[in-house]
């Protein structure tokens, strides 16, 4: 497992605006802090509206958005199959959006 890897995941239903159901998740946590029993991820959505804090990535030849405003720590036991990884340009977009979401600029 490395930063930028994409895994299948199922998120249990939360409140009305939280993502749930089967989808993909991008590993956000630094490689220096992996592997751990808990990992920081961001879920993806094909139907989420475009936003500067939702970079687009391609997963299995389909465009999806990384919902960085919904990043969370989850047990690695909840990760399913590794699907792939983001490319360099996608990782830069994710990094820029993390800076914006966390107000680090």
N, C-alpha and C. Protein backbone atom coordinates (compact mmCIF):
# COMPACT_ATOMS: atom_id res chain seq x y z
N UNK A 1 0.85 -1.17 0.00
CA UNK A 1 0.00 0.00 0.00
C UNK A 1 0.90 1.24 0.00
N UNK A 2 0.56 2.20 -0.89
CA UNK A 2 1.31 3.45 -0.99
C UNK A 2 0.36 4.62 -1.20
N UNK A 3 0.87 5.80 -0.89
CA UNK A 3 0.10 7.02 -1.14
C UNK A 3 -0.23 7.08 -2.63
N UNK A 4 -1.49 7.39 -2.94
CA UNK A 4 -1.92 7.47 -4.32
C UNK A 4 -2.54 6.18 -4.84
N UNK A 5 -2.43 5.10 -4.09
CA UNK A 5 -3.10 3.86 -4.50
C UNK A 5 -4.61 4.03 -4.40
N UNK A 6 -5.30 3.32 -5.27
CA UNK A 6 -6.76 3.36 -5.31
C UNK A 6 -7.29 1.98 -4.93
N UNK A 7 -8.18 1.96 -3.97
CA UNK A 7 -8.77 0.71 -3.50
C UNK A 7 -10.28 0.74 -3.64
N UNK A 8 -10.87 -0.43 -3.84
CA UNK A 8 -12.32 -0.57 -3.73
C UNK A 8 -12.67 -0.50 -2.25
N UNK A 9 -13.82 0.08 -1.95
CA UNK A 9 -14.24 0.23 -0.56
C UNK A 9 -15.76 0.28 -0.52
N UNK A 10 -16.33 -0.14 0.58
CA UNK A 10 -17.76 0.05 0.82
C UNK A 10 -17.90 0.88 2.08
N UNK A 11 -18.55 2.01 1.94
CA UNK A 11 -18.76 2.91 3.08
C UNK A 11 -20.18 2.72 3.56
N UNK A 12 -20.32 2.46 4.85
CA UNK A 12 -21.64 2.26 5.43
C UNK A 12 -22.39 3.58 5.48
N UNK A 13 -23.69 3.51 5.33
CA UNK A 13 -24.52 4.70 5.27
C UNK A 13 -24.36 5.53 6.54
N UNK A 14 -24.10 6.81 6.34
CA UNK A 14 -23.97 7.77 7.44
C UNK A 14 -25.16 8.72 7.39
N UNK A 15 -24.89 9.99 7.53
CA UNK A 15 -25.96 10.98 7.44
C UNK A 15 -26.17 11.38 5.99
N UNK A 16 -27.13 12.24 5.75
CA UNK A 16 -27.64 12.48 4.40
C UNK A 16 -26.62 12.91 3.35
N UNK A 17 -25.60 13.67 3.69
CA UNK A 17 -24.67 14.16 2.67
C UNK A 17 -23.35 13.40 2.62
N UNK A 18 -23.17 12.42 3.49
CA UNK A 18 -21.95 11.63 3.46
C UNK A 18 -22.04 10.55 2.39
N UNK A 19 -20.93 10.31 1.73
CA UNK A 19 -20.90 9.26 0.71
C UNK A 19 -21.08 7.90 1.38
N UNK A 20 -21.71 6.99 0.66
CA UNK A 20 -21.88 5.63 1.17
C UNK A 20 -22.01 4.67 0.00
N UNK A 21 -21.90 3.40 0.32
CA UNK A 21 -22.01 2.37 -0.70
C UNK A 21 -20.66 2.04 -1.32
N UNK A 22 -20.69 1.14 -2.32
CA UNK A 22 -19.43 0.73 -2.96
C UNK A 22 -18.87 1.86 -3.83
N UNK A 23 -17.58 2.06 -3.75
CA UNK A 23 -16.90 3.10 -4.52
C UNK A 23 -15.41 2.87 -4.41
N UNK A 24 -14.64 3.83 -4.86
CA UNK A 24 -13.20 3.76 -4.74
C UNK A 24 -12.74 4.75 -3.68
N UNK A 25 -11.54 4.53 -3.16
CA UNK A 25 -10.93 5.45 -2.21
C UNK A 25 -9.46 5.59 -2.57
N UNK A 26 -8.95 6.80 -2.44
CA UNK A 26 -7.55 7.10 -2.72
C UNK A 26 -6.81 7.21 -1.39
N UNK A 27 -5.68 6.54 -1.28
CA UNK A 27 -4.85 6.62 -0.08
C UNK A 27 -4.17 7.99 -0.06
N UNK A 28 -4.36 8.76 1.02
CA UNK A 28 -3.79 10.09 1.15
C UNK A 28 -2.58 10.13 2.06
N UNK A 29 -2.47 9.17 2.92
CA UNK A 29 -1.45 9.16 3.96
C UNK A 29 -0.05 9.00 3.38
N UNK A 30 0.91 9.66 3.99
CA UNK A 30 2.32 9.59 3.58
C UNK A 30 2.83 8.16 3.63
N UNK A 31 3.63 7.79 2.66
CA UNK A 31 4.26 6.47 2.65
C UNK A 31 5.07 6.22 3.93
N UNK A 32 5.64 7.30 4.51
CA UNK A 32 6.44 7.16 5.72
C UNK A 32 5.59 6.69 6.91
N UNK A 33 4.28 6.88 6.83
CA UNK A 33 3.38 6.47 7.91
C UNK A 33 2.58 5.23 7.56
N UNK A 34 2.98 4.53 6.52
CA UNK A 34 2.30 3.30 6.11
C UNK A 34 3.25 2.13 6.30
N UNK A 35 2.80 0.94 6.49
CA UNK A 35 1.41 0.60 6.76
C UNK A 35 1.08 0.79 8.24
N UNK A 36 -0.11 1.13 8.50
CA UNK A 36 -0.66 1.28 9.84
C UNK A 36 -1.98 0.52 9.87
N UNK A 37 -2.55 0.38 11.04
CA UNK A 37 -3.84 -0.32 11.13
C UNK A 37 -4.97 0.58 10.66
N UNK A 38 -4.73 1.90 10.65
CA UNK A 38 -5.70 2.88 10.17
C UNK A 38 -5.00 3.74 9.13
N UNK A 39 -5.73 4.08 8.07
CA UNK A 39 -5.13 4.85 6.97
C UNK A 39 -6.06 5.99 6.58
N UNK A 40 -5.47 7.12 6.17
CA UNK A 40 -6.25 8.28 5.74
C UNK A 40 -6.57 8.14 4.25
N UNK A 41 -7.87 8.22 3.92
CA UNK A 41 -8.34 8.05 2.54
C UNK A 41 -9.34 9.14 2.19
N UNK A 42 -9.60 9.27 0.88
CA UNK A 42 -10.69 10.12 0.39
C UNK A 42 -11.53 9.27 -0.55
N UNK A 43 -12.86 9.29 -0.36
CA UNK A 43 -13.73 8.53 -1.25
C UNK A 43 -13.88 9.23 -2.59
N UNK A 44 -14.36 8.51 -3.57
CA UNK A 44 -14.61 9.08 -4.89
C UNK A 44 -16.10 9.04 -5.21
N UNK A 45 -16.48 9.82 -6.21
CA UNK A 45 -17.87 9.84 -6.67
C UNK A 45 -17.91 10.21 -8.14
N UNK A 46 -18.68 9.44 -8.91
CA UNK A 46 -18.87 9.75 -10.33
C UNK A 46 -19.93 10.82 -10.52
N UNK A 47 -20.81 11.01 -9.53
CA UNK A 47 -21.93 11.94 -9.69
C UNK A 47 -21.76 13.26 -8.94
N UNK A 48 -20.69 13.41 -8.17
CA UNK A 48 -20.49 14.65 -7.41
C UNK A 48 -20.28 15.82 -8.37
N UNK A 49 -20.77 16.97 -7.97
CA UNK A 49 -20.60 18.17 -8.78
C UNK A 49 -19.14 18.59 -8.81
N UNK A 50 -18.71 19.17 -9.93
CA UNK A 50 -17.32 19.65 -10.01
C UNK A 50 -17.06 20.75 -8.98
N UNK A 51 -15.86 20.75 -8.44
CA UNK A 51 -15.42 21.79 -7.51
C UNK A 51 -13.89 21.76 -7.47
N UNK A 52 -13.30 22.89 -7.12
CA UNK A 52 -11.83 22.96 -7.08
C UNK A 52 -11.25 22.02 -6.05
N UNK A 53 -12.03 21.64 -5.04
CA UNK A 53 -11.55 20.72 -4.02
C UNK A 53 -11.92 19.28 -4.33
N UNK A 54 -12.37 19.02 -5.55
CA UNK A 54 -12.73 17.68 -6.00
C UNK A 54 -12.00 17.35 -7.30
N UNK A 55 -10.72 17.06 -7.22
CA UNK A 55 -9.97 16.77 -8.45
C UNK A 55 -10.50 15.53 -9.15
N UNK A 56 -10.43 15.56 -10.47
CA UNK A 56 -10.86 14.41 -11.27
C UNK A 56 -9.69 13.46 -11.48
N UNK A 57 -10.00 12.17 -11.38
CA UNK A 57 -9.04 11.12 -11.70
C UNK A 57 -9.72 10.12 -12.61
N UNK A 58 -8.93 9.29 -13.26
CA UNK A 58 -9.47 8.22 -14.10
C UNK A 58 -9.21 6.89 -13.42
N UNK A 59 -10.31 6.15 -13.23
CA UNK A 59 -10.23 4.83 -12.62
C UNK A 59 -10.96 3.86 -13.54
N UNK A 60 -10.29 2.84 -13.98
CA UNK A 60 -10.86 1.85 -14.88
C UNK A 60 -11.55 2.52 -16.08
N UNK A 61 -10.82 3.47 -16.67
CA UNK A 61 -11.24 4.19 -17.88
C UNK A 61 -12.47 5.06 -17.68
N UNK A 62 -12.83 5.37 -16.43
CA UNK A 62 -13.95 6.26 -16.14
C UNK A 62 -13.48 7.41 -15.26
N UNK A 63 -14.04 8.59 -15.51
CA UNK A 63 -13.72 9.76 -14.72
C UNK A 63 -14.53 9.76 -13.43
N UNK A 64 -13.85 10.05 -12.33
CA UNK A 64 -14.49 10.16 -11.04
C UNK A 64 -13.84 11.31 -10.29
N UNK A 65 -14.50 11.83 -9.29
CA UNK A 65 -13.96 12.93 -8.50
C UNK A 65 -13.56 12.44 -7.12
N UNK A 66 -12.42 12.95 -6.64
CA UNK A 66 -11.95 12.62 -5.30
C UNK A 66 -12.55 13.66 -4.35
N UNK A 67 -13.32 13.19 -3.38
CA UNK A 67 -14.04 14.07 -2.46
C UNK A 67 -13.17 14.34 -1.23
N UNK A 68 -12.26 15.28 -1.38
CA UNK A 68 -11.31 15.55 -0.30
C UNK A 68 -11.97 16.18 0.91
N UNK A 69 -13.12 16.80 0.75
CA UNK A 69 -13.83 17.34 1.90
C UNK A 69 -14.44 16.24 2.77
N UNK A 70 -14.37 14.98 2.27
CA UNK A 70 -14.87 13.84 3.03
C UNK A 70 -13.77 12.85 3.39
N UNK A 71 -12.51 13.34 3.41
CA UNK A 71 -11.41 12.44 3.79
C UNK A 71 -11.63 11.96 5.21
N UNK A 72 -11.18 10.74 5.46
CA UNK A 72 -11.35 10.17 6.80
C UNK A 72 -10.32 9.07 7.03
N UNK A 73 -10.17 8.71 8.29
CA UNK A 73 -9.31 7.60 8.67
C UNK A 73 -10.17 6.35 8.78
N UNK A 74 -9.71 5.28 8.14
CA UNK A 74 -10.45 4.01 8.21
C UNK A 74 -9.48 2.87 8.51
N UNK A 75 -10.02 1.80 9.03
CA UNK A 75 -9.23 0.61 9.26
C UNK A 75 -8.82 0.01 7.92
N UNK A 76 -7.58 -0.47 7.82
CA UNK A 76 -7.15 -1.06 6.55
C UNK A 76 -7.96 -2.31 6.24
N UNK A 77 -8.59 -2.89 7.24
CA UNK A 77 -9.43 -4.07 7.02
C UNK A 77 -10.65 -3.75 6.15
N UNK A 78 -11.02 -2.46 6.07
CA UNK A 78 -12.16 -2.06 5.24
C UNK A 78 -11.80 -1.86 3.78
N UNK A 79 -10.49 -1.85 3.48
CA UNK A 79 -10.07 -1.70 2.09
C UNK A 79 -10.28 -3.02 1.36
N UNK A 80 -10.82 -2.91 0.16
CA UNK A 80 -10.99 -4.08 -0.68
C UNK A 80 -9.78 -4.27 -1.57
N UNK A 81 -10.03 -4.65 -2.79
CA UNK A 81 -8.98 -4.92 -3.77
C UNK A 81 -8.31 -3.62 -4.23
N UNK A 82 -7.00 -3.68 -4.39
CA UNK A 82 -6.28 -2.54 -4.97
C UNK A 82 -6.61 -2.50 -6.46
N UNK A 83 -7.09 -1.34 -6.91
CA UNK A 83 -7.56 -1.16 -8.29
C UNK A 83 -6.48 -0.56 -9.17
N UNK A 84 -5.64 0.29 -8.61
CA UNK A 84 -4.61 0.98 -9.38
C UNK A 84 -4.03 2.10 -8.56
N UNK A 85 -3.56 3.13 -9.27
CA UNK A 85 -3.03 4.30 -8.56
C UNK A 85 -3.21 5.54 -9.42
N UNK A 86 -3.20 6.70 -8.79
CA UNK A 86 -3.32 7.95 -9.53
C UNK A 86 -2.01 8.23 -10.25
N UNK A 87 -2.08 8.98 -11.35
CA UNK A 87 -0.85 9.36 -12.04
C UNK A 87 -0.26 10.62 -11.40
N UNK A 88 0.88 11.04 -11.85
CA UNK A 88 1.58 12.18 -11.24
C UNK A 88 0.74 13.45 -11.29
N UNK A 89 0.14 13.76 -12.43
CA UNK A 89 -0.68 14.97 -12.54
C UNK A 89 -1.90 14.92 -11.62
N UNK A 90 -2.51 13.75 -11.52
CA UNK A 90 -3.66 13.59 -10.62
C UNK A 90 -3.22 13.77 -9.16
N UNK A 91 -2.04 13.26 -8.81
CA UNK A 91 -1.55 13.40 -7.44
C UNK A 91 -1.29 14.87 -7.11
N UNK A 92 -0.75 15.63 -8.06
CA UNK A 92 -0.54 17.05 -7.83
C UNK A 92 -1.87 17.77 -7.60
N UNK A 93 -2.89 17.41 -8.38
CA UNK A 93 -4.22 18.02 -8.20
C UNK A 93 -4.80 17.67 -6.84
N UNK A 94 -4.61 16.44 -6.42
CA UNK A 94 -5.08 16.01 -5.09
C UNK A 94 -4.34 16.80 -4.01
N UNK A 95 -3.03 16.93 -4.14
CA UNK A 95 -2.24 17.68 -3.16
C UNK A 95 -2.70 19.12 -3.06
N UNK A 96 -2.94 19.77 -4.20
CA UNK A 96 -3.41 21.15 -4.20
C UNK A 96 -4.76 21.28 -3.50
N UNK A 97 -5.64 20.32 -3.74
CA UNK A 97 -6.96 20.35 -3.12
C UNK A 97 -6.88 20.10 -1.61
N UNK A 98 -5.97 19.24 -1.18
CA UNK A 98 -5.78 19.01 0.26
C UNK A 98 -5.35 20.31 0.94
N UNK A 99 -4.43 21.04 0.32
CA UNK A 99 -3.99 22.31 0.86
C UNK A 99 -5.18 23.26 1.03
N UNK A 100 -6.05 23.31 0.03
CA UNK A 100 -7.22 24.18 0.10
C UNK A 100 -8.21 23.74 1.17
N UNK A 101 -8.50 22.44 1.23
CA UNK A 101 -9.48 21.92 2.19
C UNK A 101 -9.01 22.16 3.63
N UNK A 102 -7.72 21.97 3.87
CA UNK A 102 -7.20 22.13 5.23
C UNK A 102 -6.73 23.54 5.55
N UNK A 103 -6.84 24.44 4.57
CA UNK A 103 -6.46 25.83 4.79
C UNK A 103 -4.97 26.03 5.05
N UNK A 104 -4.16 25.28 4.32
CA UNK A 104 -2.72 25.33 4.54
C UNK A 104 -2.00 26.32 3.63
N UNK A 105 -2.72 27.08 2.82
CA UNK A 105 -2.07 27.97 1.87
C UNK A 105 -1.75 29.28 2.47
